Amino acid sequence: MTHPTGEQFELETTTSTGDVRATVTAVAAGLRTLTINGIDLVPPFGEERTPPSGAGIVLVPWPNRIRDGVWTHGETTHQLAITEPPRNTAIHGLLRYTEYTPVDRDRDSVTLAATIHPQLGYPFLVRTAVRYELVSDGMKVTHFLENLGADPAPVAVGTHPYLKIGGVPTEELTLRLDAASHIEVDDRLLPVGEVPVDGTEWDLRDGRRVGDLSLDDAFGELESVDGTVEHTLTAPDGRSVSVWADDEFAYVQVYTTAAFPGESAAIAVEPMTAPADAFNSGKGLRWLDPGEQWEVSWGIRFAGFAAE
């Protein structure tokens, strides 16, 4: 049977904390399921579906949006394909609908690869790969990018995981973001400024109940501890699920929705190395020299292994 997300890679391992399982999809190198001892850490969706609201997909060579799909470098103006017509933007990079190829596979890990070829608005040749690896408290994800072309290539990395804790209603979880700034946007959700969160509704450093939030917002000035940033959802019983990331993931997007299939509420916590419209602002944008490689990691961590 052929699935909308291509081949399904089932991962499993048994550690001191129990059984960890995941399903990774070939299309978009996406994360479809992740459980520890049967506790869902991401809201699963059926293999017969496309990823609802971009669930679990990889976003390269840019996350989020580029205004009008237009960006300029030097004296050259590039026009990307418009992939979000209602807002006239190019959204979530160039591999969202690409089927990656497995290049390494084990019982508890898989590495998937896809190459970005020169195309409309992006005349660069970049090899990418994503490694998913199960660990004792969840999953580690590592992205590899290499410029195969003759000219420097602009790149950024984002990912789109939704989080949950088993049978706990997501609206009852408390979200804590270690972010000191909020990115202001216009009516097309494109950046117009960045302001401190102090004294505002965007200050989530002490935690807010998800059910009291309505977000499609990016945050910056993330607090790094020993080279890692972390954002956490905590249940009333004390269990928690976190997204952690290298401090090169200097931005995070948070999106809440009541439209995720099978969920009363859902929340995506999306690590990004650059914010929306980075090809124009240059914020967080990485230029890879010919032959240069770049590696960044993030993951999902569960704490509090109470029985479901």
Protein backbone atom coordinates (compact mmCIF):
# COMPACT_ATOMS: atom_id res chain seq x y z
CA MET A 1 0.00 0.00 0.00
CA THR A 2 1.25 3.48 -0.89
CA HIS A 3 0.80 6.10 1.82
CA PRO A 4 0.45 9.88 1.32
CA THR A 5 3.60 10.30 3.42
CA GLY A 6 5.50 7.55 1.61
CA GLU A 7 7.42 4.77 3.32
CA GLN A 8 6.89 4.44 7.08
CA PHE A 9 9.97 3.80 9.23
CA GLU A 10 9.05 2.13 12.51
CA LEU A 11 11.63 2.65 15.28
CA GLU A 12 11.73 0.97 18.68
CA THR A 13 14.05 0.46 21.62
CA THR A 14 13.88 -0.66 25.23
CA THR A 15 15.79 1.33 27.84
CA SER A 16 15.87 1.61 31.61
CA THR A 17 12.82 3.88 31.39
CA GLY A 18 10.78 1.53 29.22
CA ASP A 19 9.75 1.06 25.60
CA VAL A 20 10.25 3.96 23.20
CA ARG A 21 8.63 3.81 19.76
CA ALA A 22 8.29 6.19 16.81
CA THR A 23 7.16 6.35 13.21
CA VAL A 24 9.09 8.52 10.76
CA THR A 25 7.77 9.19 7.25
CA ALA A 26 9.75 9.42 4.02
CA VAL A 27 7.79 12.43 2.77
CA ALA A 28 9.09 15.58 4.50
CA ALA A 29 11.18 13.34 6.79
CA GLY A 30 8.28 13.75 9.20
CA LEU A 31 7.59 12.48 12.70
CA ARG A 32 4.18 10.76 12.73
CA THR A 33 4.20 9.04 16.14
CA LEU A 34 6.33 9.00 19.29
CA THR A 35 5.51 7.11 22.49
CA ILE A 36 7.16 6.09 25.74
CA ASN A 37 5.52 3.12 27.49
CA GLY A 38 2.45 3.74 25.33
CA ILE A 39 2.22 7.43 26.29
CA ASP A 40 1.84 9.62 23.20
CA LEU A 41 4.34 12.49 23.18
CA VAL A 42 3.06 13.83 19.85
CA PRO A 43 -0.53 13.69 18.62
CA PRO A 44 -0.51 10.78 16.15
CA PHE A 45 -2.23 10.84 12.81
CA GLY A 46 -3.18 7.93 10.58
CA GLU A 47 -0.88 6.63 7.88
CA GLU A 48 -3.64 7.27 5.35
CA ARG A 49 -3.49 11.04 6.02
CA THR A 50 -1.28 13.88 4.95
CA PRO A 51 0.31 15.64 7.97
CA PRO A 52 -2.44 17.80 9.51
CA SER A 53 -1.31 21.41 9.92
CA GLY A 54 2.23 20.41 8.93
CA ALA A 55 2.59 18.00 11.86
CA GLY A 56 6.14 16.72 12.29
CA ILE A 57 7.60 17.94 8.99
CA VAL A 58 11.10 19.30 8.30
CA LEU A 59 11.40 22.88 7.05
CA VAL A 60 14.47 23.62 4.88
CA PRO A 61 16.11 25.72 3.51
CA TRP A 62 13.89 28.12 5.41
CA PRO A 63 11.10 27.81 8.01
CA ASN A 64 8.01 29.96 8.09
CA ARG A 65 7.32 32.60 5.42
CA ILE A 66 9.13 34.76 2.86
CA ARG A 67 7.26 37.93 1.96
CA ASP A 68 5.80 37.72 -1.55
CA GLY A 69 8.31 34.90 -2.17
CA VAL A 70 10.84 37.60 -3.08
CA TRP A 71 14.34 38.06 -1.71
CA THR A 72 17.38 39.99 -2.88
CA HIS A 73 21.07 39.21 -2.64
CA GLY A 74 23.47 41.80 -3.97
CA GLU A 75 22.00 43.06 -7.22
CA THR A 76 19.97 39.91 -7.89
CA THR A 77 16.29 39.59 -7.02
CA HIS A 78 14.97 36.05 -6.64
CA GLN A 79 11.31 35.03 -6.98
CA LEU A 80 10.28 31.84 -5.21
CA ALA A 81 7.09 29.94 -5.96
CA ILE A 82 4.13 31.20 -3.92
CA THR A 83 3.07 28.25 -1.76
CA GLU A 84 0.69 30.10 0.58
CA PRO A 85 -1.58 32.00 -1.84
CA PRO A 86 -3.91 33.57 0.77
CA ARG A 87 -0.95 35.49 2.23
CA ASN A 88 1.11 35.58 -0.98
CA THR A 89 4.14 34.01 0.68
CA ALA A 90 6.58 31.18 0.14
CA ILE A 91 6.17 29.00 3.22
CA HIS A 92 8.18 26.25 4.94
CA GLY A 93 10.99 25.72 2.46
CA LEU A 94 11.39 23.42 -0.52
CA LEU A 95 11.21 19.84 0.80
CA ARG A 96 7.81 19.78 2.47
CA TYR A 97 6.39 17.44 -0.20
CA THR A 98 9.64 15.66 -1.10
CA GLU A 99 10.17 11.95 -0.46
CA TYR A 100 13.47 11.47 1.32
CA THR A 101 15.66 8.40 0.73
CA PRO A 102 16.87 6.19 3.63
CA VAL A 103 20.66 6.09 3.76
CA ASP A 104 21.09 4.39 7.14
CA ARG A 105 18.66 2.39 9.23
CA ASP A 106 18.75 0.48 12.50
CA ARG A 107 16.16 -0.78 14.97
CA ASP A 108 16.21 2.51 16.90
CA SER A 109 17.29 5.04 14.26
CA VAL A 110 16.92 6.11 10.66
CA THR A 111 18.74 8.67 8.52
CA LEU A 112 16.87 10.12 5.55
CA ALA A 113 18.41 12.27 2.81
CA ALA A 114 17.14 14.64 0.14
CA THR A 115 18.91 17.11 -2.14
CA ILE A 116 17.67 20.61 -2.88
CA HIS A 117 18.37 21.19 -6.56
CA PRO A 118 18.62 24.65 -8.18
CA GLN A 119 15.14 25.93 -8.97
CA LEU A 120 12.92 28.96 -9.23
CA GLY A 121 14.12 31.53 -6.68
CA TYR A 122 16.76 29.24 -5.15
CA PRO A 123 19.67 28.64 -7.57
CA PHE A 124 21.69 26.50 -5.15
CA LEU A 125 22.58 22.84 -4.73
CA VAL A 126 22.33 21.67 -1.11
CA ARG A 127 22.43 18.13 0.21
CA THR A 128 20.36 17.57 3.36
CA ALA A 129 19.90 14.64 5.73
CA VAL A 130 17.92 14.07 8.93
CA ARG A 131 18.75 11.44 11.56
CA TYR A 132 16.06 10.35 14.02
CA GLU A 133 17.37 8.40 17.01
CA LEU A 134 15.41 7.03 19.96
CA VAL A 135 16.95 7.73 23.36
CA SER A 136 15.95 6.79 26.91
CA ASP A 137 13.76 9.87 27.47
CA GLY A 138 12.46 10.38 23.95
CA MET A 139 14.10 11.26 20.67
CA LYS A 140 17.11 13.11 19.26
CA VAL A 141 16.97 14.62 15.76
CA THR A 142 20.05 15.80 13.88
CA HIS A 143 20.03 17.79 10.63
CA PHE A 144 22.96 17.77 8.22
CA LEU A 145 23.35 20.27 5.38
CA GLU A 146 26.15 20.50 2.82
CA ASN A 147 26.61 23.02 0.01
CA LEU A 148 27.41 21.05 -3.14
CA GLY A 149 27.39 24.10 -5.38
CA ALA A 150 29.98 26.60 -6.54
CA ASP A 151 28.52 29.63 -4.74
CA PRO A 152 27.63 30.35 -1.09
CA ALA A 153 24.08 29.15 -0.31
CA PRO A 154 21.64 30.63 2.25
CA VAL A 155 20.07 28.07 4.59
CA ALA A 156 17.98 27.87 7.73
CA VAL A 157 16.37 24.90 9.48
CA GLY A 158 13.03 24.52 11.16
CA THR A 159 10.84 21.67 12.28
CA HIS A 160 7.15 21.39 13.13
CA PRO A 161 6.49 19.02 16.07
CA TYR A 162 3.20 19.05 17.95
CA LEU A 163 3.41 17.88 21.58
CA LYS A 164 1.10 16.16 24.03
CA ILE A 165 1.16 13.90 27.09
CA GLY A 166 -0.92 10.79 26.64
CA GLY A 167 -4.52 11.18 27.73
CA VAL A 168 -4.05 14.60 29.34
CA PRO A 169 -6.16 17.21 27.50
CA THR A 170 -3.63 19.49 25.85
CA GLU A 171 -5.54 22.58 26.98
CA GLU A 172 -4.74 21.55 30.58
CA LEU A 173 -0.97 21.57 29.98
CA THR A 174 1.14 24.53 31.11
CA LEU A 175 3.50 26.00 28.52
CA ARG A 176 6.79 27.51 29.60
CA LEU A 177 9.01 29.31 27.06
CA ASP A 178 12.40 30.71 28.04
CA ALA A 179 12.05 33.56 25.53
CA ALA A 180 12.76 37.23 26.28
CA SER A 181 11.44 38.73 23.03
CA HIS A 182 8.35 38.47 20.85
CA ILE A 183 8.32 39.00 17.09
CA GLU A 184 5.61 41.44 16.06
CA VAL A 185 3.87 40.66 12.76
CA ASP A 186 1.52 42.24 10.24
CA ASP A 187 -1.79 40.82 9.03
CA ARG A 188 0.11 38.33 6.84
CA LEU A 189 2.05 37.03 9.85
CA LEU A 190 5.29 38.59 8.55
CA PRO A 191 7.74 40.26 10.94
CA VAL A 192 7.63 44.00 11.48
CA GLY A 193 9.67 44.18 14.71
CA GLU A 194 10.91 42.41 17.82
CA VAL A 195 10.06 43.62 21.32
CA PRO A 196 10.82 42.51 24.91
CA VAL A 197 8.17 40.30 26.51
CA ASP A 198 8.56 41.91 29.95
CA GLY A 199 5.18 43.02 31.29
CA THR A 200 3.28 41.72 28.26
CA GLU A 201 0.97 38.82 27.49
CA TRP A 202 3.85 37.25 25.55
CA ASP A 203 5.90 36.59 28.68
CA LEU A 204 5.60 32.82 29.06
CA ARG A 205 8.69 32.30 31.18
CA ASP A 206 6.64 31.50 34.29
CA GLY A 207 4.18 29.29 32.40
CA ARG A 208 0.64 29.70 31.07
CA ARG A 209 -2.18 27.20 30.61
CA VAL A 210 -2.45 26.19 26.94
CA GLY A 211 -6.25 26.54 27.01
CA ASP A 212 -5.81 30.23 27.81
CA LEU A 213 -3.55 30.85 24.81
CA SER A 214 -4.21 31.56 21.14
CA LEU A 215 -0.86 31.65 19.39
CA ASP A 216 0.74 31.64 15.98
CA ASP A 217 3.75 33.58 17.20
CA ALA A 218 7.53 33.53 17.11
CA PHE A 219 9.85 34.30 19.98
CA GLY A 220 13.55 35.13 20.22
CA GLU A 221 16.28 35.85 22.77
CA LEU A 222 15.98 32.29 24.03
CA GLU A 223 17.78 31.40 27.23
CA SER A 224 20.59 28.91 26.62
CA VAL A 225 21.93 26.67 29.36
CA ASP A 226 25.14 24.83 28.48
CA GLY A 227 24.46 25.39 24.77
CA THR A 228 20.87 24.15 24.86
CA VAL A 229 17.49 25.90 24.79
CA GLU A 230 14.36 24.17 26.11
CA HIS A 231 10.59 24.73 26.04
CA THR A 232 8.30 22.65 28.26
CA LEU A 233 4.70 21.54 28.60
CA THR A 234 3.75 20.29 32.08
CA ALA A 235 0.67 18.28 33.08
CA PRO A 236 -1.24 18.84 36.32
CA ASP A 237 0.23 15.57 37.65
CA GLY A 238 3.79 16.89 37.18
CA ARG A 239 4.76 14.97 34.06
CA SER A 240 6.33 17.04 31.32
CA VAL A 241 7.32 16.92 27.67
CA SER A 242 9.94 19.30 26.33
CA VAL A 243 11.45 20.37 23.05
CA TRP A 244 15.17 20.99 23.47
CA ALA A 245 17.52 22.32 20.82
CA ASP A 246 21.05 23.48 20.12
CA ASP A 247 21.36 27.20 20.77
CA GLU A 248 21.71 27.67 17.01
CA PHE A 249 17.93 27.23 17.10
CA ALA A 250 17.69 30.83 18.29
CA TYR A 251 13.96 31.19 17.60
CA VAL A 252 10.81 29.23 18.35
CA GLN A 253 7.34 29.40 16.81
CA VAL A 254 4.32 28.37 18.88
CA TYR A 255 1.01 27.52 17.23
CA THR A 256 -2.22 26.49 18.95
CA THR A 257 -5.24 25.04 17.19
CA ALA A 258 -8.56 23.36 17.92
CA ALA A 259 -8.63 21.81 14.44
CA PHE A 260 -6.11 18.96 14.84
CA PRO A 261 -7.92 15.67 14.04
CA GLY A 262 -8.84 13.70 17.15
CA GLU A 263 -7.63 16.37 19.57
CA SER A 264 -9.68 18.90 21.57
CA ALA A 265 -6.65 21.19 21.34
CA ALA A 266 -3.16 20.91 19.92
CA ILE A 267 0.05 22.89 20.23
CA ALA A 268 3.13 22.97 18.01
CA VAL A 269 6.43 24.12 19.49
CA GLU A 270 8.71 24.66 16.51
CA PRO A 271 12.48 25.19 16.87
CA MET A 272 13.88 27.46 14.13
CA THR A 273 17.42 28.63 13.40
CA ALA A 274 15.92 31.74 11.75
CA PRO A 275 12.57 33.56 11.96
CA ALA A 276 10.12 34.30 9.16
CA ASP A 277 11.46 36.30 6.18
CA ALA A 278 15.07 35.63 7.15
CA PHE A 279 16.15 35.64 3.50
CA ASN A 280 15.35 39.36 3.56
CA SER A 281 16.24 40.34 7.13
CA GLY A 282 19.31 38.13 7.39
CA LYS A 283 18.39 37.26 10.98
CA GLY A 284 19.64 33.78 11.85
CA LEU A 285 20.42 33.08 8.20
CA ARG A 286 23.43 30.83 7.59
CA TRP A 287 25.47 31.12 4.40
CA LEU A 288 27.26 27.87 3.59
CA ASP A 289 30.42 28.21 1.54
CA PRO A 290 31.00 25.71 -1.27
CA GLY A 291 31.77 22.36 0.33
CA GLU A 292 30.84 23.58 3.82
CA GLN A 293 28.78 21.34 6.09
CA TRP A 294 26.45 22.32 8.93
CA GLU A 295 24.98 20.12 11.67
CA VAL A 296 22.30 21.07 14.23
CA SER A 297 20.25 19.00 16.68
CA TRP A 298 17.03 19.13 18.66
CA GLY A 299 14.84 16.60 20.40
CA ILE A 300 11.79 15.70 22.45
CA ARG A 301 12.24 14.78 26.12
CA PHE A 302 9.72 13.25 28.53
CA ALA A 303 9.96 13.43 32.32
CA GLY A 304 7.85 11.73 34.96
CA PHE A 305 7.27 8.16 33.99
CA ALA A 306 4.00 7.60 35.88
CA ALA A 307 1.76 4.84 34.55
CA GLU A 308 -0.88 6.01 32.14
